[in-house]
Amino acid sequence: MCNNEELDIIELESEDGELLRLCVDRYFFYNGDEYVLLSDDCGQNKPKDEVSHYVMKVVPLEDEDGEEMEEFVPVEDELMDQLIHVVESTFGDE
């Protein structure tokens, strides 16, 4: 994944203060909410077993100019287990 010509890359801070540079692999819906699958590969072509993935909830926002934006919000552990199962069973072959 994340092998498009133009990568959608975001930077987030981890719980321990480390800066994470992640790319958007895909968006998906679960129980009516939108989520995003992120990875730390971002065109580096890492071996599959070295790529870390993250799932976050997408929250639509508007900036001060009325432009639509997205905020990526961490999900609770119980929901994360369900989302990981959805991602593995739906996109596991990719």
C-alpha atoms as a PDB file:
ATOM      1  CA  MET A   1       0.000   0.000   0.000  1.00  0.00           C
ATOM      2  CA  CYS A   2       0.954   3.627  -0.019  1.00  0.00           C
ATOM      3  CA  ASN A   3       2.581   3.265  -3.417  1.00  0.00           C
ATOM      4  CA  ASN A   4       0.699   6.032  -5.228  1.00  0.00           C
ATOM      5  CA  GLU A   5       2.624   8.716  -7.103  1.00  0.00           C
ATOM      6  CA  GLU A   6       1.287  11.397  -4.768  1.00  0.00           C
ATOM      7  CA  LEU A   7       1.188  10.167  -1.203  1.00  0.00           C
ATOM      8  CA  ASP A   8      -1.146  11.713   1.321  1.00  0.00           C
ATOM      9  CA  ILE A   9       1.310  12.128   4.204  1.00  0.00           C
ATOM     10  CA  ILE A  10       0.536  13.374   7.695  1.00  0.00           C
ATOM     11  CA  GLU A  11       2.665  13.923  10.771  1.00  0.00           C
ATOM     12  CA  LEU A  12       1.389  12.965  14.214  1.00  0.00           C
ATOM     13  CA  GLU A  13       2.948  12.858  17.634  1.00  0.00           C
ATOM     14  CA  SER A  14       2.998   9.476  19.375  1.00  0.00           C
ATOM     15  CA  GLU A  15       2.106   8.968  23.040  1.00  0.00           C
ATOM     16  CA  ASP A  16       5.805   9.157  23.929  1.00  0.00           C
ATOM     17  CA  GLY A  17       6.339  12.408  22.007  1.00  0.00           C
ATOM     18  CA  GLU A  18       7.950  10.853  18.932  1.00  0.00           C
ATOM     19  CA  LEU A  19       7.046  12.415  15.572  1.00  0.00           C
ATOM     20  CA  LEU A  20       5.389   9.864  13.278  1.00  0.00           C
ATOM     21  CA  ARG A  21       5.333  10.433   9.528  1.00  0.00           C
ATOM     22  CA  LEU A  22       2.427   8.364   8.206  1.00  0.00           C
ATOM     23  CA  CYS A  23       0.737   7.949   4.865  1.00  0.00           C
ATOM     24  CA  VAL A  24      -2.923   7.313   4.227  1.00  0.00           C
ATOM     25  CA  ASP A  25      -3.401   3.825   2.827  1.00  0.00           C
ATOM     26  CA  ARG A  26      -7.177   3.892   2.596  1.00  0.00           C
ATOM     27  CA  TYR A  27     -10.390   5.136   4.124  1.00  0.00           C
ATOM     28  CA  PHE A  28     -13.161   2.746   5.144  1.00  0.00           C
ATOM     29  CA  PHE A  29     -16.476   2.751   6.982  1.00  0.00           C
ATOM     30  CA  TYR A  30     -17.477   0.659   9.975  1.00  0.00           C
ATOM     31  CA  ASN A  31     -20.869   0.928  11.714  1.00  0.00           C
ATOM     32  CA  GLY A  32     -21.572   4.232   9.956  1.00  0.00           C
ATOM     33  CA  ASP A  33     -18.329   5.947  11.005  1.00  0.00           C
ATOM     34  CA  GLU A  34     -15.360   6.688   8.767  1.00  0.00           C
ATOM     35  CA  TYR A  35     -11.883   5.418   9.635  1.00  0.00           C
ATOM     36  CA  VAL A  36      -8.474   5.662   8.035  1.00  0.00           C
ATOM     37  CA  LEU A  37      -5.727   3.077   7.740  1.00  0.00           C
ATOM     38  CA  LEU A  38      -2.289   4.686   8.030  1.00  0.00           C
ATOM     39  CA  SER A  39       1.175   3.184   7.603  1.00  0.00           C
ATOM     40  CA  ASP A  40       4.731   4.306   8.210  1.00  0.00           C
ATOM     41  CA  ASP A  41       5.986   2.991   4.847  1.00  0.00           C
ATOM     42  CA  CYS A  42       5.281   6.192   2.839  1.00  0.00           C
ATOM     43  CA  GLY A  43       7.027   5.106  -0.328  1.00  0.00           C
ATOM     44  CA  GLN A  44      10.054   3.608   1.404  1.00  0.00           C
ATOM     45  CA  ASN A  45       9.140   0.108   0.196  1.00  0.00           C
ATOM     46  CA  LYS A  46       9.845  -1.489   3.565  1.00  0.00           C
ATOM     47  CA  PRO A  47       9.447  -5.253   3.884  1.00  0.00           C
ATOM     48  CA  LYS A  48       5.874  -6.077   4.957  1.00  0.00           C
ATOM     49  CA  ASP A  49       6.968  -7.326   8.364  1.00  0.00           C
ATOM     50  CA  GLU A  50       8.622  -3.960   9.138  1.00  0.00           C
ATOM     51  CA  VAL A  51       5.636  -1.748   8.266  1.00  0.00           C
ATOM     52  CA  SER A  52       3.547  -0.425  11.158  1.00  0.00           C
ATOM     53  CA  HIS A  53      -0.137   0.304  10.614  1.00  0.00           C
ATOM     54  CA  TYR A  54      -2.497   2.552  12.548  1.00  0.00           C
ATOM     55  CA  VAL A  55      -6.289   2.882  12.433  1.00  0.00           C
ATOM     56  CA  MET A  56      -7.895   6.173  13.437  1.00  0.00           C
ATOM     57  CA  LYS A  57     -11.370   7.656  13.309  1.00  0.00           C
ATOM     58  CA  VAL A  58     -11.942  10.428  10.770  1.00  0.00           C
ATOM     59  CA  VAL A  59     -13.715  13.473  12.200  1.00  0.00           C
ATOM     60  CA  PRO A  60     -14.748  16.109   9.629  1.00  0.00           C
ATOM     61  CA  LEU A  61     -14.072  19.722  10.635  1.00  0.00           C
ATOM     62  CA  GLU A  62     -14.196  23.167   9.087  1.00  0.00           C
ATOM     63  CA  ASP A  63     -11.334  25.624   9.373  1.00  0.00           C
ATOM     64  CA  GLU A  64     -11.838  29.348  10.001  1.00  0.00           C
ATOM     65  CA  ASP A  65     -12.348  29.911   6.241  1.00  0.00           C
ATOM     66  CA  GLY A  66     -15.098  27.294   6.033  1.00  0.00           C
ATOM     67  CA  GLU A  67     -12.854  24.794   4.239  1.00  0.00           C
ATOM     68  CA  GLU A  68     -13.499  21.140   5.017  1.00  0.00           C
ATOM     69  CA  MET A  69     -10.731  19.376   6.921  1.00  0.00           C
ATOM     70  CA  GLU A  70     -10.247  16.024   8.612  1.00  0.00           C
ATOM     71  CA  GLU A  71      -8.988  15.258  12.079  1.00  0.00           C
ATOM     72  CA  PHE A  72      -7.687  11.767  12.818  1.00  0.00           C
ATOM     73  CA  VAL A  73      -8.644  10.663  16.323  1.00  0.00           C
ATOM     74  CA  PRO A  74      -7.358   7.569  18.155  1.00  0.00           C
ATOM     75  CA  VAL A  75      -9.944   4.909  18.957  1.00  0.00           C
ATOM     76  CA  GLU A  76     -10.432   2.962  22.171  1.00  0.00           C
ATOM     77  CA  ASP A  77      -8.730  -0.422  22.504  1.00  0.00           C
ATOM     78  CA  GLU A  78     -11.939  -2.471  22.359  1.00  0.00           C
ATOM     79  CA  LEU A  79     -13.022  -0.807  19.111  1.00  0.00           C
ATOM     80  CA  MET A  80      -9.471  -1.044  17.765  1.00  0.00           C
ATOM     81  CA  ASP A  81      -9.610  -4.845  18.037  1.00  0.00           C
ATOM     82  CA  GLN A  82     -12.771  -4.868  15.909  1.00  0.00           C
ATOM     83  CA  LEU A  83     -11.308  -2.442  13.360  1.00  0.00           C
ATOM     84  CA  ILE A  84      -8.114  -4.476  13.031  1.00  0.00           C
ATOM     85  CA  HIS A  85     -10.233  -7.543  12.314  1.00  0.00           C
ATOM     86  CA  VAL A  86     -12.175  -5.595   9.641  1.00  0.00           C
ATOM     87  CA  VAL A  87      -8.958  -4.362   8.020  1.00  0.00           C
ATOM     88  CA  GLU A  88      -7.307  -7.796   8.041  1.00  0.00           C
ATOM     89  CA  SER A  89     -10.356  -9.599   6.688  1.00  0.00           C
ATOM     90  CA  THR A  90     -11.206  -6.953   4.072  1.00  0.00           C
ATOM     91  CA  PHE A  91      -7.814  -5.683   2.915  1.00  0.00           C
ATOM     92  CA  GLY A  92      -5.460  -8.401   4.144  1.00  0.00           C
ATOM     93  CA  ASP A  93      -4.397  -9.535   0.682  1.00  0.00           C
ATOM     94  CA  GLU A  94      -3.291  -6.050  -0.359  1.00  0.00           C
END
